[in-house]
Amino acid sequence: MQKSDLRKAIEKALAEKGKRKFTQTVELIFNFRGVDFSKPENKLNLDVILPKGRGKSKKVAVFADQQFALDAKNAGADLVIDANSIALLGKEKKKLKKMAGEYVFLAQPNLMMAVGKSLGQVLGSR
């Protein structure tokens, strides 16, 4: 199948669908017949660049302390939360829920227990 054929099929499906009052998505499914993916030469490893991105961009928040916090900040983390702030943040459920919608969270391994204990109710469902 050619790239242009695929593009035409997607455009046709979108045109027939009509406009909605919400952001529409397209689901694309490929069925491979006669291909044995258990063989190494048939494995797929693809990077797909979406033409309009993934939508809203997420910020990165890192639970870290000491040198890891500095490294995270230097690497471009939008927010660094230290060990002392984890318990305080757990008491502010409303603020935490808002943050959970805006950020993707990473945690330093030795802080995982504290993060799970204090913030698990909110972050676990996300």
PDB file of N, CA and C in Angstrom:
ATOM      1  N   MET A   1       0.848  -1.175   0.000  1.00  0.00           N
ATOM      2  CA  MET A   1       0.000   0.000   0.000  1.00  0.00           C
ATOM      3  C   MET A   1       0.893   1.237   0.000  1.00  0.00           C
ATOM      4  N   GLN A   2       0.566   2.169  -0.815  1.00  0.00           N
ATOM      5  CA  GLN A   2       1.340   3.399  -0.919  1.00  0.00           C
ATOM      6  C   GLN A   2       0.896   4.404   0.144  1.00  0.00           C
ATOM      7  N   LYS A   3       1.795   5.290   0.490  1.00  0.00           N
ATOM      8  CA  LYS A   3       1.518   6.325   1.487  1.00  0.00           C
ATOM      9  C   LYS A   3       0.361   7.213   1.031  1.00  0.00           C
ATOM     10  N   SER A   4       0.321   7.541  -0.245  1.00  0.00           N
ATOM     11  CA  SER A   4      -0.739   8.415  -0.766  1.00  0.00           C
ATOM     12  C   SER A   4      -2.106   7.736  -0.675  1.00  0.00           C
ATOM     13  N   ASP A   5      -2.160   6.416  -0.899  1.00  0.00           N
ATOM     14  CA  ASP A   5      -3.422   5.684  -0.782  1.00  0.00           C
ATOM     15  C   ASP A   5      -3.940   5.718   0.650  1.00  0.00           C
ATOM     16  N   LEU A   6      -3.038   5.550   1.588  1.00  0.00           N
ATOM     17  CA  LEU A   6      -3.400   5.586   2.997  1.00  0.00           C
ATOM     18  C   LEU A   6      -3.912   6.967   3.383  1.00  0.00           C
ATOM     19  N   ARG A   7      -3.211   7.997   2.936  1.00  0.00           N
ATOM     20  CA  ARG A   7      -3.616   9.376   3.237  1.00  0.00           C
ATOM     21  C   ARG A   7      -5.008   9.667   2.669  1.00  0.00           C
ATOM     22  N   LYS A   8      -5.274   9.229   1.432  1.00  0.00           N
ATOM     23  CA  LYS A   8      -6.582   9.452   0.801  1.00  0.00           C
ATOM     24  C   LYS A   8      -7.687   8.740   1.573  1.00  0.00           C
ATOM     25  N   ALA A   9      -7.413   7.528   2.029  1.00  0.00           N
ATOM     26  CA  ALA A   9      -8.408   6.768   2.785  1.00  0.00           C
ATOM     27  C   ALA A   9      -8.743   7.454   4.105  1.00  0.00           C
ATOM     28  N   ILE A  10      -7.734   7.987   4.773  1.00  0.00           N
ATOM     29  CA  ILE A  10      -7.967   8.691   6.039  1.00  0.00           C
ATOM     30  C   ILE A  10      -8.751   9.970   5.794  1.00  0.00           C
ATOM     31  N   GLU A  11      -8.376  10.731   4.773  1.00  0.00           N
ATOM     32  CA  GLU A  11      -9.092  11.970   4.454  1.00  0.00           C
ATOM     33  C   GLU A  11     -10.546  11.688   4.093  1.00  0.00           C
ATOM     34  N   LYS A  12     -10.797  10.610   3.354  1.00  0.00           N
ATOM     35  CA  LYS A  12     -12.162  10.233   2.988  1.00  0.00           C
ATOM     36  C   LYS A  12     -12.977   9.884   4.238  1.00  0.00           C
ATOM     37  N   ALA A  13     -12.386   9.118   5.144  1.00  0.00           N
ATOM     38  CA  ALA A  13     -13.077   8.737   6.381  1.00  0.00           C
ATOM     39  C   ALA A  13     -13.408   9.965   7.217  1.00  0.00           C
ATOM     40  N   LEU A  14     -12.482  10.914   7.288  1.00  0.00           N
ATOM     41  CA  LEU A  14     -12.728  12.135   8.056  1.00  0.00           C
ATOM     42  C   LEU A  14     -13.812  12.981   7.406  1.00  0.00           C
ATOM     43  N   ALA A  15     -13.834  13.055   6.080  1.00  0.00           N
ATOM     44  CA  ALA A  15     -14.836  13.852   5.372  1.00  0.00           C
ATOM     45  C   ALA A  15     -16.235  13.270   5.561  1.00  0.00           C
ATOM     46  N   GLU A  16     -16.352  11.953   5.536  1.00  0.00           N
ATOM     47  CA  GLU A  16     -17.650  11.301   5.703  1.00  0.00           C
ATOM     48  C   GLU A  16     -18.162  11.382   7.133  1.00  0.00           C
ATOM     49  N   LYS A  17     -17.264  11.534   8.056  1.00  0.00           N
ATOM     50  CA  LYS A  17     -17.609  11.546   9.476  1.00  0.00           C
ATOM     51  C   LYS A  17     -18.360  12.815   9.859  1.00  0.00           C
ATOM     52  N   GLY A  18     -18.005  13.959   9.278  1.00  0.00           N
ATOM     53  CA  GLY A  18     -18.648  15.219   9.614  1.00  0.00           C
ATOM     54  C   GLY A  18     -18.001  15.876  10.821  1.00  0.00           C
ATOM     55  N   LYS A  19     -18.423  17.096  11.100  1.00  0.00           N
ATOM     56  CA  LYS A  19     -17.862  17.875  12.210  1.00  0.00           C
ATOM     57  C   LYS A  19     -18.587  17.551  13.509  1.00  0.00           C
ATOM     58  N   ARG A  20     -17.849  17.585  14.586  1.00  0.00           N
ATOM     59  CA  ARG A  20     -18.400  17.370  15.921  1.00  0.00           C
ATOM     60  C   ARG A  20     -18.027  18.563  16.797  1.00  0.00           C
ATOM     61  N   LYS A  21     -18.648  18.661  17.952  1.00  0.00           N
ATOM     62  CA  LYS A  21     -18.369  19.759  18.878  1.00  0.00           C
ATOM     63  C   LYS A  21     -17.254  19.408  19.852  1.00  0.00           C
ATOM     64  N   PHE A  22     -16.462  18.421  19.513  1.00  0.00           N
ATOM     65  CA  PHE A  22     -15.346  18.017  20.358  1.00  0.00           C
ATOM     66  C   PHE A  22     -14.186  17.640  19.452  1.00  0.00           C
ATOM     67  N   THR A  23     -13.020  17.499  20.032  1.00  0.00           N
ATOM     68  CA  THR A  23     -11.845  17.127  19.269  1.00  0.00           C
ATOM     69  C   THR A  23     -11.976  15.675  18.827  1.00  0.00           C
ATOM     70  N   GLN A  24     -11.920  15.458  17.527  1.00  0.00           N
ATOM     71  CA  GLN A  24     -12.077  14.119  16.985  1.00  0.00           C
ATOM     72  C   GLN A  24     -10.723  13.422  16.879  1.00  0.00           C
ATOM     73  N   THR A  25     -10.753  12.115  16.965  1.00  0.00           N
ATOM     74  CA  THR A  25      -9.533  11.324  16.803  1.00  0.00           C
ATOM     75  C   THR A  25      -9.765  10.267  15.731  1.00  0.00           C
ATOM     76  N   VAL A  26      -8.692   9.736  15.237  1.00  0.00           N
ATOM     77  CA  VAL A  26      -8.752   8.670  14.244  1.00  0.00           C
ATOM     78  C   VAL A  26      -7.968   7.493  14.784  1.00  0.00           C
ATOM     79  N   GLU A  27      -8.552   6.317  14.702  1.00  0.00           N
ATOM     80  CA  GLU A  27      -7.859   5.107  15.123  1.00  0.00           C
ATOM     81  C   GLU A  27      -7.487   4.325  13.873  1.00  0.00           C
ATOM     82  N   LEU A  28      -6.247   3.951  13.788  1.00  0.00           N
ATOM     83  CA  LEU A  28      -5.742   3.257  12.612  1.00  0.00           C
ATOM     84  C   LEU A  28      -5.249   1.876  13.030  1.00  0.00           C
ATOM     85  N   ILE A  29      -5.780   0.843  12.390  1.00  0.00           N
ATOM     86  CA  ILE A  29      -5.418  -0.527  12.733  1.00  0.00           C
ATOM     87  C   ILE A  29      -4.889  -1.222  11.485  1.00  0.00           C
ATOM     88  N   PHE A  30      -3.764  -1.891  11.627  1.00  0.00           N
ATOM     89  CA  PHE A  30      -3.180  -2.659  10.533  1.00  0.00           C
ATOM     90  C   PHE A  30      -3.300  -4.140  10.862  1.00  0.00           C
ATOM     91  N   ASN A  31      -3.776  -4.923   9.918  1.00  0.00           N
ATOM     92  CA  ASN A  31      -3.808  -6.377  10.050  1.00  0.00           C
ATOM     93  C   ASN A  31      -2.762  -6.957   9.111  1.00  0.00           C
ATOM     94  N   PHE A  32      -1.849  -7.728   9.651  1.00  0.00           N
ATOM     95  CA  PHE A  32      -0.805  -8.357   8.856  1.00  0.00           C
ATOM     96  C   PHE A  32      -1.137  -9.833   8.708  1.00  0.00           C
ATOM     97  N   ARG A  33      -1.353 -10.257   7.478  1.00  0.00           N
ATOM     98  CA  ARG A  33      -1.661 -11.662   7.213  1.00  0.00           C
ATOM     99  C   ARG A  33      -0.425 -12.333   6.640  1.00  0.00           C
ATOM    100  N   GLY A  34      -0.138 -13.510   7.118  1.00  0.00           N
ATOM    101  CA  GLY A  34       0.976 -14.275   6.587  1.00  0.00           C
ATOM    102  C   GLY A  34       2.337 -13.805   7.063  1.00  0.00           C
ATOM    103  N   VAL A  35       2.370 -12.990   8.112  1.00  0.00           N
ATOM    104  CA  VAL A  35       3.647 -12.513   8.652  1.00  0.00           C
ATOM    105  C   VAL A  35       3.827 -13.124  10.035  1.00  0.00           C
ATOM    106  N   ASP A  36       4.918 -13.817  10.242  1.00  0.00           N
ATOM    107  CA  ASP A  36       5.217 -14.444  11.527  1.00  0.00           C
ATOM    108  C   ASP A  36       6.118 -13.505  12.327  1.00  0.00           C
ATOM    109  N   PHE A  37       5.531 -12.806  13.294  1.00  0.00           N
ATOM    110  CA  PHE A  37       6.287 -11.822  14.070  1.00  0.00           C
ATOM    111  C   PHE A  37       7.181 -12.451  15.132  1.00  0.00           C
ATOM    112  N   SER A  38       7.125 -13.769  15.272  1.00  0.00           N
ATOM    113  CA  SER A  38       8.042 -14.409  16.217  1.00  0.00           C
ATOM    114  C   SER A  38       9.447 -14.530  15.625  1.00  0.00           C
ATOM    115  N   LYS A  39       9.561 -14.348  14.317  1.00  0.00           N
ATOM    116  CA  LYS A  39      10.875 -14.372  13.664  1.00  0.00           C
ATOM    117  C   LYS A  39      11.515 -12.993  13.770  1.00  0.00           C
ATOM    118  N   PRO A  40      12.787 -12.939  14.133  1.00  0.00           N
ATOM    119  CA  PRO A  40      13.457 -11.640  14.315  1.00  0.00           C
ATOM    120  C   PRO A  40      13.447 -10.744  13.079  1.00  0.00           C
ATOM    121  N   GLU A  41      13.521 -11.327  11.891  1.00  0.00           N
ATOM    122  CA  GLU A  41      13.560 -10.495  10.687  1.00  0.00           C
ATOM    123  C   GLU A  41      12.214  -9.833  10.381  1.00  0.00           C
ATOM    124  N   ASN A  42      11.135 -10.293  11.024  1.00  0.00           N
ATOM    125  CA  ASN A  42       9.812  -9.720  10.802  1.00  0.00           C
ATOM    126  C   ASN A  42       9.383  -8.747  11.897  1.00  0.00           C
ATOM    127  N   LYS A  43      10.237  -8.510  12.866  1.00  0.00           N
ATOM    128  CA  LYS A  43       9.889  -7.602  13.964  1.00  0.00           C
ATOM    129  C   LYS A  43       9.754  -6.179  13.438  1.00  0.00           C
ATOM    130  N   LEU A  44       8.848  -5.421  14.025  1.00  0.00           N
ATOM    131  CA  LEU A  44       8.659  -4.023  13.649  1.00  0.00           C
ATOM    132  C   LEU A  44       9.214  -3.124  14.739  1.00  0.00           C
ATOM    133  N   ASN A  45       9.904  -2.099  14.332  1.00  0.00           N
ATOM    134  CA  ASN A  45      10.395  -1.078  15.249  1.00  0.00           C
ATOM    135  C   ASN A  45      10.241   0.251  14.528  1.00  0.00           C
ATOM    136  N   LEU A  46       9.171   0.968  14.838  1.00  0.00           N
ATOM    137  CA  LEU A  46       8.840   2.181  14.105  1.00  0.00           C
ATOM    138  C   LEU A  46       8.745   3.382  15.027  1.00  0.00           C
ATOM    139  N   ASP A  47       9.155   4.509  14.517  1.00  0.00           N
ATOM    140  CA  ASP A  47       8.908   5.788  15.166  1.00  0.00           C
ATOM    141  C   ASP A  47       7.953   6.549  14.269  1.00  0.00           C
ATOM    142  N   VAL A  48       6.837   6.975  14.816  1.00  0.00           N
ATOM    143  CA  VAL A  48       5.842   7.691  14.032  1.00  0.00           C
ATOM    144  C   VAL A  48       5.798   9.130  14.519  1.00  0.00           C
ATOM    145  N   ILE A  49       5.994  10.045  13.596  1.00  0.00           N
ATOM    146  CA  ILE A  49       5.905  11.465  13.924  1.00  0.00           C
ATOM    147  C   ILE A  49       4.518  11.935  13.505  1.00  0.00           C
ATOM    148  N   LEU A  50       3.732  12.335  14.465  1.00  0.00           N
ATOM    149  CA  LEU A  50       2.379  12.780  14.184  1.00  0.00           C
ATOM    150  C   LEU A  50       2.411  14.198  13.625  1.00  0.00           C
ATOM    151  N   PRO A  51       1.623  14.474  12.600  1.00  0.00           N
ATOM    152  CA  PRO A  51       1.704  15.784  11.940  1.00  0.00           C
ATOM    153  C   PRO A  51       1.325  16.955  12.843  1.00  0.00           C
ATOM    154  N   LYS A  52       0.440  16.731  13.785  1.00  0.00           N
ATOM    155  CA  LYS A  52       0.023  17.818  14.676  1.00  0.00           C
ATOM    156  C   LYS A  52       0.413  17.543  16.118  1.00  0.00           C
ATOM    157  N   GLY A  53       1.363  16.661  16.320  1.00  0.00           N
ATOM    158  CA  GLY A  53       1.814  16.356  17.672  1.00  0.00           C
ATOM    159  C   GLY A  53       0.815  15.490  18.414  1.00  0.00           C
ATOM    160  N   ARG A  54       0.959  15.457  19.726  1.00  0.00           N
ATOM    161  CA  ARG A  54       0.081  14.644  20.568  1.00  0.00           C
ATOM    162  C   ARG A  54      -1.039  15.454  21.178  1.00  0.00           C
ATOM    163  N   GLY A  55      -1.165  16.696  20.798  1.00  0.00           N
ATOM    164  CA  GLY A  55      -2.169  17.550  21.402  1.00  0.00           C
ATOM    165  C   GLY A  55      -1.494  18.482  22.380  1.00  0.00           C
ATOM    166  N   LYS A  56      -2.108  18.667  23.520  1.00  0.00           N
ATOM    167  CA  LYS A  56      -1.522  19.548  24.527  1.00  0.00           C
ATOM    168  C   LYS A  56      -0.230  18.941  25.056  1.00  0.00           C
ATOM    169  N   SER A  57       0.770  19.778  25.190  1.00  0.00           N
ATOM    170  CA  SER A  57       2.038  19.268  25.711  1.00  0.00           C
ATOM    171  C   SER A  57       1.978  19.191  27.233  1.00  0.00           C
ATOM    172  N   LYS A  58       2.628  18.199  27.766  1.00  0.00           N
ATOM    173  CA  LYS A  58       2.679  18.012  29.216  1.00  0.00           C
ATOM    174  C   LYS A  58       4.003  18.535  29.749  1.00  0.00           C
ATOM    175  N   LYS A  59       3.962  18.971  30.984  1.00  0.00           N
ATOM    176  CA  LYS A  59       5.177  19.400  31.669  1.00  0.00           C
ATOM    177  C   LYS A  59       5.710  18.215  32.471  1.00  0.00           C
ATOM    178  N   VAL A  60       6.970  18.291  32.852  1.00  0.00           N
ATOM    179  CA  VAL A  60       7.601  17.209  33.606  1.00  0.00           C
ATOM    180  C   VAL A  60       7.866  17.674  35.032  1.00  0.00           C
ATOM    181  N   ALA A  61       7.379  16.901  35.997  1.00  0.00           N
ATOM    182  CA  ALA A  61       7.657  17.150  37.407  1.00  0.00           C
ATOM    183  C   ALA A  61       8.460  15.967  37.941  1.00  0.00           C
ATOM    184  N   VAL A  62       9.478  16.267  38.726  1.00  0.00           N
ATOM    185  CA  VAL A  62      10.370  15.227  39.234  1.00  0.00           C
ATOM    186  C   VAL A  62      10.406  15.289  40.757  1.00  0.00           C
ATOM    187  N   PHE A  63      10.194  14.136  41.398  1.00  0.00           N
ATOM    188  CA  PHE A  63      10.368  14.023  42.839  1.00  0.00           C
ATOM    189  C   PHE A  63      11.817  13.621  43.070  1.00  0.00           C
ATOM    190  N   ALA A  64      12.608  14.543  43.590  1.00  0.00           N
ATOM    191  CA  ALA A  64      14.038  14.265  43.768  1.00  0.00           C
ATOM    192  C   ALA A  64      14.596  15.153  44.864  1.00  0.00           C
ATOM    193  N   ASP A  65      15.733  14.748  45.407  1.00  0.00           N
ATOM    194  CA  ASP A  65      16.429  15.586  46.377  1.00  0.00           C
ATOM    195  C   ASP A  65      17.923  15.575  46.086  1.00  0.00           C
ATOM    196  N   GLN A  66      18.600  16.489  46.683  1.00  0.00           N
ATOM    197  CA  GLN A  66      20.056  16.642  46.588  1.00  0.00           C
ATOM    198  C   GLN A  66      20.522  16.739  45.135  1.00  0.00           C
ATOM    199  N   GLN A  67      21.499  15.942  44.778  1.00  0.00           N
ATOM    200  CA  GLN A  67      22.106  16.038  43.448  1.00  0.00           C
ATOM    201  C   GLN A  67      21.124  15.679  42.330  1.00  0.00           C
ATOM    202  N   PHE A  68      20.219  14.735  42.605  1.00  0.00           N
ATOM    203  CA  PHE A  68      19.232  14.361  41.592  1.00  0.00           C
ATOM    204  C   PHE A  68      18.336  15.548  41.238  1.00  0.00           C
ATOM    205  N   ALA A  69      18.017  16.364  42.233  1.00  0.00           N
ATOM    206  CA  ALA A  69      17.185  17.542  41.981  1.00  0.00           C
ATOM    207  C   ALA A  69      17.899  18.521  41.058  1.00  0.00           C
ATOM    208  N   LEU A  70      19.174  18.743  41.312  1.00  0.00           N
ATOM    209  CA  LEU A  70      19.949  19.638  40.445  1.00  0.00           C
ATOM    210  C   LEU A  70      20.058  19.073  39.035  1.00  0.00           C
ATOM    211  N   ASP A  71      20.305  17.776  38.936  1.00  0.00           N
ATOM    212  CA  ASP A  71      20.407  17.136  37.622  1.00  0.00           C
ATOM    213  C   ASP A  71      19.089  17.238  36.852  1.00  0.00           C
ATOM    214  N   ALA A  72      17.975  17.041  37.558  1.00  0.00           N
ATOM    215  CA  ALA A  72      16.664  17.121  36.912  1.00  0.00           C
ATOM    216  C   ALA A  72      16.394  18.534  36.406  1.00  0.00           C
ATOM    217  N   LYS A  73      16.719  19.514  37.226  1.00  0.00           N
ATOM    218  CA  LYS A  73      16.510  20.910  36.826  1.00  0.00           C
ATOM    219  C   LYS A  73      17.373  21.252  35.616  1.00  0.00           C
ATOM    220  N   ASN A  74      18.625  20.817  35.628  1.00  0.00           N
ATOM    221  CA  ASN A  74      19.525  21.077  34.503  1.00  0.00           C
ATOM    222  C   ASN A  74      19.091  20.343  33.235  1.00  0.00           C
ATOM    223  N   ALA A  75      18.423  19.203  33.399  1.00  0.00           N
ATOM    224  CA  ALA A  75      17.961  18.423  32.252  1.00  0.00           C
ATOM    225  C   ALA A  75      16.695  19.006  31.636  1.00  0.00           C
ATOM    226  N   GLY A  76      16.081  19.979  32.321  1.00  0.00           N
ATOM    227  CA  GLY A  76      14.914  20.638  31.749  1.00  0.00           C
ATOM    228  C   GLY A  76      13.595  20.328  32.420  1.00  0.00           C
ATOM    229  N   ALA A  77      13.615  19.746  33.613  1.00  0.00           N
ATOM    230  CA  ALA A  77      12.369  19.472  34.325  1.00  0.00           C
ATOM    231  C   ALA A  77      11.665  20.788  34.640  1.00  0.00           C
ATOM    232  N   ASP A  78      10.360  20.812  34.451  1.00  0.00           N
ATOM    233  CA  ASP A  78       9.594  22.025  34.701  1.00  0.00           C
ATOM    234  C   ASP A  78       9.388  22.279  36.188  1.00  0.00           C
ATOM    235  N   LEU A  79       9.342  21.215  36.971  1.00  0.00           N
ATOM    236  CA  LEU A  79       9.117  21.339  38.408  1.00  0.00           C
ATOM    237  C   LEU A  79       9.890  20.238  39.121  1.00  0.00           C
ATOM    238  N   VAL A  80      10.609  20.614  40.170  1.00  0.00           N
ATOM    239  CA  VAL A  80      11.321  19.641  40.999  1.00  0.00           C
ATOM    240  C   VAL A  80      10.742  19.734  42.403  1.00  0.00           C
ATOM    241  N   ILE A  81      10.268  18.603  42.915  1.00  0.00           N
ATOM    242  CA  ILE A  81       9.643  18.547  44.237  1.00  0.00           C
ATOM    243  C   ILE A  81      10.575  17.760  45.146  1.00  0.00           C
ATOM    244  N   ASP A  82      10.994  18.383  46.254  1.00  0.00           N
ATOM    245  CA  ASP A  82      11.934  17.711  47.153  1.00  0.00           C
ATOM    246  C   ASP A  82      11.195  16.800  48.129  1.00  0.00           C
ATOM    247  N   ALA A  83      11.939  16.010  48.866  1.00  0.00           N
ATOM    248  CA  ALA A  83      11.373  15.006  49.769  1.00  0.00           C
ATOM    249  C   ALA A  83      10.490  15.631  50.841  1.00  0.00           C
ATOM    250  N   ASN A  84      10.846  16.806  51.327  1.00  0.00           N
ATOM    251  CA  ASN A  84      10.061  17.457  52.379  1.00  0.00           C
ATOM    252  C   ASN A  84       8.702  17.928  51.871  1.00  0.00           C
ATOM    253  N   SER A  85       8.608  18.246  50.612  1.00  0.00           N
ATOM    254  CA  SER A  85       7.364  18.778  50.052  1.00  0.00           C
ATOM    255  C   SER A  85       6.361  17.695  49.673  1.00  0.00           C
ATOM    256  N   ILE A  86       6.795  16.452  49.627  1.00  0.00           N
ATOM    257  CA  ILE A  86       5.896  15.369  49.210  1.00  0.00           C
ATOM    258  C   ILE A  86       4.726  15.227  50.176  1.00  0.00           C
ATOM    259  N   ALA A  87       4.997  15.177  51.468  1.00  0.00           N
ATOM    260  CA  ALA A  87       3.928  15.027  52.466  1.00  0.00           C
ATOM    261  C   ALA A  87       3.017  16.247  52.481  1.00  0.00           C
ATOM    262  N   LEU A  88       3.597  17.434  52.321  1.00  0.00           N
ATOM    263  CA  LEU A  88       2.788  18.652  52.290  1.00  0.00           C
ATOM    264  C   LEU A  88       1.865  18.670  51.079  1.00  0.00           C
ATOM    265  N   LEU A  89       2.365  18.230  49.955  1.00  0.00           N
ATOM    266  CA  LEU A  89       1.568  18.189  48.734  1.00  0.00           C
ATOM    267  C   LEU A  89       0.436  17.172  48.862  1.00  0.00           C
ATOM    268  N   GLY A  90       0.665  16.107  49.608  1.00  0.00           N
ATOM    269  CA  GLY A  90      -0.357  15.090  49.820  1.00  0.00           C
ATOM    270  C   GLY A  90      -1.560  15.610  50.579  1.00  0.00           C
ATOM    271  N   LYS A  91      -1.386  16.656  51.360  1.00  0.00           N
ATOM    272  CA  LYS A  91      -2.488  17.250  52.120  1.00  0.00           C
ATOM    273  C   LYS A  91      -3.312  18.215  51.279  1.00  0.00           C
ATOM    274  N   GLU A  92      -2.787  18.638  50.156  1.00  0.00           N
ATOM    275  CA  GLU A  92      -3.479  19.585  49.274  1.00  0.00           C
ATOM    276  C   GLU A  92      -4.019  18.835  48.059  1.00  0.00           C
ATOM    277  N   LYS A  93      -5.102  18.090  48.265  1.00  0.00           N
ATOM    278  CA  LYS A  93      -5.651  17.220  47.224  1.00  0.00           C
ATOM    279  C   LYS A  93      -6.080  17.998  45.975  1.00  0.00           C
ATOM    280  N   LYS A  94      -6.686  19.153  46.175  1.00  0.00           N
ATOM    281  CA  LYS A  94      -7.174  19.932  45.039  1.00  0.00           C
ATOM    282  C   LYS A  94      -6.014  20.380  44.147  1.00  0.00           C
ATOM    283  N   LYS A  95      -4.964  20.873  44.767  1.00  0.00           N
ATOM    284  CA  LYS A  95      -3.780  21.314  44.024  1.00  0.00           C
ATOM    285  C   LYS A  95      -3.121  20.126  43.325  1.00  0.00           C
ATOM    286  N   LEU A  96      -3.068  18.989  44.007  1.00  0.00           N
ATOM    287  CA  LEU A  96      -2.446  17.792  43.451  1.00  0.00           C
ATOM    288  C   LEU A  96      -3.221  17.273  42.243  1.00  0.00           C
ATOM    289  N   LYS A  97      -4.551  17.295  42.299  1.00  0.00           N
ATOM    290  CA  LYS A  97      -5.360  16.850  41.164  1.00  0.00           C
ATOM    291  C   LYS A  97      -5.134  17.739  39.948  1.00  0.00           C
ATOM    292  N   LYS A  98      -5.010  19.034  40.189  1.00  0.00           N
ATOM    293  CA  LYS A  98      -4.743  19.962  39.094  1.00  0.00           C
ATOM    294  C   LYS A  98      -3.368  19.681  38.489  1.00  0.00           C
ATOM    295  N   MET A  99      -2.381  19.446  39.345  1.00  0.00           N
ATOM    296  CA  MET A  99      -1.029  19.139  38.875  1.00  0.00           C
ATOM    297  C   MET A  99      -1.007  17.832  38.089  1.00  0.00           C
ATOM    298  N   ALA A 100      -1.797  16.858  38.520  1.00  0.00           N
ATOM    299  CA  ALA A 100      -1.819  15.554  37.853  1.00  0.00           C
ATOM    300  C   ALA A 100      -2.305  15.664  36.414  1.00  0.00           C
ATOM    301  N   GLY A 101      -3.132  16.655  36.139  1.00  0.00           N
ATOM    302  CA  GLY A 101      -3.596  16.869  34.777  1.00  0.00           C
ATOM    303  C   GLY A 101      -2.594  17.600  33.909  1.00  0.00           C
ATOM    304  N   GLU A 102      -1.698  18.340  34.524  1.00  0.00           N
ATOM    305  CA  GLU A 102      -0.752  19.172  33.778  1.00  0.00           C
ATOM    306  C   GLU A 102       0.624  18.540  33.624  1.00  0.00           C
ATOM    307  N   TYR A 103       1.015  17.669  34.544  1.00  0.00           N
ATOM    308  CA  TYR A 103       2.385  17.166  34.589  1.00  0.00           C
ATOM    309  C   TYR A 103       2.464  15.661  34.363  1.00  0.00           C
ATOM    310  N   VAL A 104       3.601  15.237  33.884  1.00  0.00           N
ATOM    311  CA  VAL A 104       4.001  13.835  33.880  1.00  0.00           C
ATOM    312  C   VAL A 104       5.022  13.720  35.001  1.00  0.00           C
ATOM    313  N   PHE A 105       4.883  12.720  35.873  1.00  0.00           N
ATOM    314  CA  PHE A 105       5.720  12.633  37.064  1.00  0.00           C
ATOM    315  C   PHE A 105       6.794  11.556  36.947  1.00  0.00           C
ATOM    316  N   LEU A 106       7.968  11.892  37.440  1.00  0.00           N
ATOM    317  CA  LEU A 106       9.080  10.954  37.584  1.00  0.00           C
ATOM    318  C   LEU A 106       9.540  11.031  39.031  1.00  0.00           C
ATOM    319  N   ALA A 107      10.040   9.929  39.562  1.00  0.00           N
ATOM    320  CA  ALA A 107      10.481   9.936  40.956  1.00  0.00           C
ATOM    321  C   ALA A 107      11.823   9.243  41.109  1.00  0.00           C
ATOM    322  N   GLN A 108      12.609   9.795  41.999  1.00  0.00           N
ATOM    323  CA  GLN A 108      13.885   9.186  42.379  1.00  0.00           C
ATOM    324  C   GLN A 108      13.552   7.877  43.102  1.00  0.00           C
ATOM    325  N   PRO A 109      14.274   6.791  42.834  1.00  0.00           N
ATOM    326  CA  PRO A 109      13.907   5.484  43.409  1.00  0.00           C
ATOM    327  C   PRO A 109      13.722   5.468  44.929  1.00  0.00           C
ATOM    328  N   ASN A 110      14.582   6.143  45.671  1.00  0.00           N
ATOM    329  CA  ASN A 110      14.440   6.083  47.129  1.00  0.00           C
ATOM    330  C   ASN A 110      13.275   6.929  47.646  1.00  0.00           C
ATOM    331  N   LEU A 111      12.625   7.717  46.787  1.00  0.00           N
ATOM    332  CA  LEU A 111      11.461   8.505  47.195  1.00  0.00           C
ATOM    333  C   LEU A 111      10.142   7.862  46.760  1.00  0.00           C
ATOM    334  N   MET A 112      10.216   6.753  46.056  1.00  0.00           N
ATOM    335  CA  MET A 112       9.010   6.110  45.534  1.00  0.00           C
ATOM    336  C   MET A 112       8.029   5.722  46.640  1.00  0.00           C
ATOM    337  N   MET A 113       8.538   5.246  47.754  1.00  0.00           N
ATOM    338  CA  MET A 113       7.662   4.840  48.848  1.00  0.00           C
ATOM    339  C   MET A 113       6.907   6.047  49.413  1.00  0.00           C
ATOM    340  N   ALA A 114       7.604   7.146  49.606  1.00  0.00           N
ATOM    341  CA  ALA A 114       6.969   8.355  50.134  1.00  0.00           C
ATOM    342  C   ALA A 114       5.950   8.915  49.146  1.00  0.00           C
ATOM    343  N   VAL A 115       6.281   8.882  47.869  1.00  0.00           N
ATOM    344  CA  VAL A 115       5.350   9.367  46.840  1.00  0.00           C
ATOM    345  C   VAL A 115       4.098   8.495  46.822  1.00  0.00           C
ATOM    346  N   GLY A 116       4.265   7.194  46.840  1.00  0.00           N
ATOM    347  CA  GLY A 116       3.122   6.289  46.830  1.00  0.00           C
ATOM    348  C   GLY A 116       2.246   6.432  48.058  1.00  0.00           C
ATOM    349  N   LYS A 117       2.878   6.601  49.200  1.00  0.00           N
ATOM    350  CA  LYS A 117       2.140   6.705  50.461  1.00  0.00           C
ATOM    351  C   LYS A 117       1.355   8.010  50.543  1.00  0.00           C
ATOM    352  N   SER A 118       1.978   9.122  50.170  1.00  0.00           N
ATOM    353  CA  SER A 118       1.344  10.428  50.315  1.00  0.00           C
ATOM    354  C   SER A 118       0.472  10.820  49.125  1.00  0.00           C
ATOM    355  N   LEU A 119       0.872  10.416  47.926  1.00  0.00           N
ATOM    356  CA  LEU A 119       0.208  10.909  46.726  1.00  0.00           C
ATOM    357  C   LEU A 119      -0.448   9.812  45.903  1.00  0.00           C
ATOM    358  N   GLY A 120      -0.360   8.582  46.366  1.00  0.00           N
ATOM    359  CA  GLY A 120      -0.842   7.440  45.600  1.00  0.00           C
ATOM    360  C   GLY A 120      -2.313   7.470  45.261  1.00  0.00           C
ATOM    361  N   GLN A 121      -3.153   7.984  46.160  1.00  0.00           N
ATOM    362  CA  GLN A 121      -4.592   8.022  45.903  1.00  0.00           C
ATOM    363  C   GLN A 121      -4.915   8.847  44.668  1.00  0.00           C
ATOM    364  N   VAL A 122      -4.224   9.948  44.505  1.00  0.00           N
ATOM    365  CA  VAL A 122      -4.496  10.831  43.368  1.00  0.00           C
ATOM    366  C   VAL A 122      -3.713  10.402  42.138  1.00  0.00           C
ATOM    367  N   LEU A 123      -2.417  10.165  42.300  1.00  0.00           N
ATOM    368  CA  LEU A 123      -1.581   9.850  41.144  1.00  0.00           C
ATOM    369  C   LEU A 123      -1.771   8.421  40.648  1.00  0.00           C
ATOM    370  N   GLY A 124      -2.191   7.524  41.505  1.00  0.00           N
ATOM    371  CA  GLY A 124      -2.359   6.132  41.113  1.00  0.00           C
ATOM    372  C   GLY A 124      -3.449   5.932  40.079  1.00  0.00           C
ATOM    373  N   SER A 125      -4.455   6.777  40.095  1.00  0.00           N
ATOM    374  CA  SER A 125      -5.560   6.643  39.149  1.00  0.00           C
ATOM    375  C   SER A 125      -5.280   7.331  37.823  1.00  0.00           C
ATOM    376  N   ARG A 126      -4.142   7.967  37.705  1.00  0.00           N
ATOM    377  CA  ARG A 126      -3.820   8.705  36.471  1.00  0.00           C
ATOM    378  C   ARG A 126      -2.882   7.921  35.609  1.00  0.00           C
TER     379      ARG A 126
END
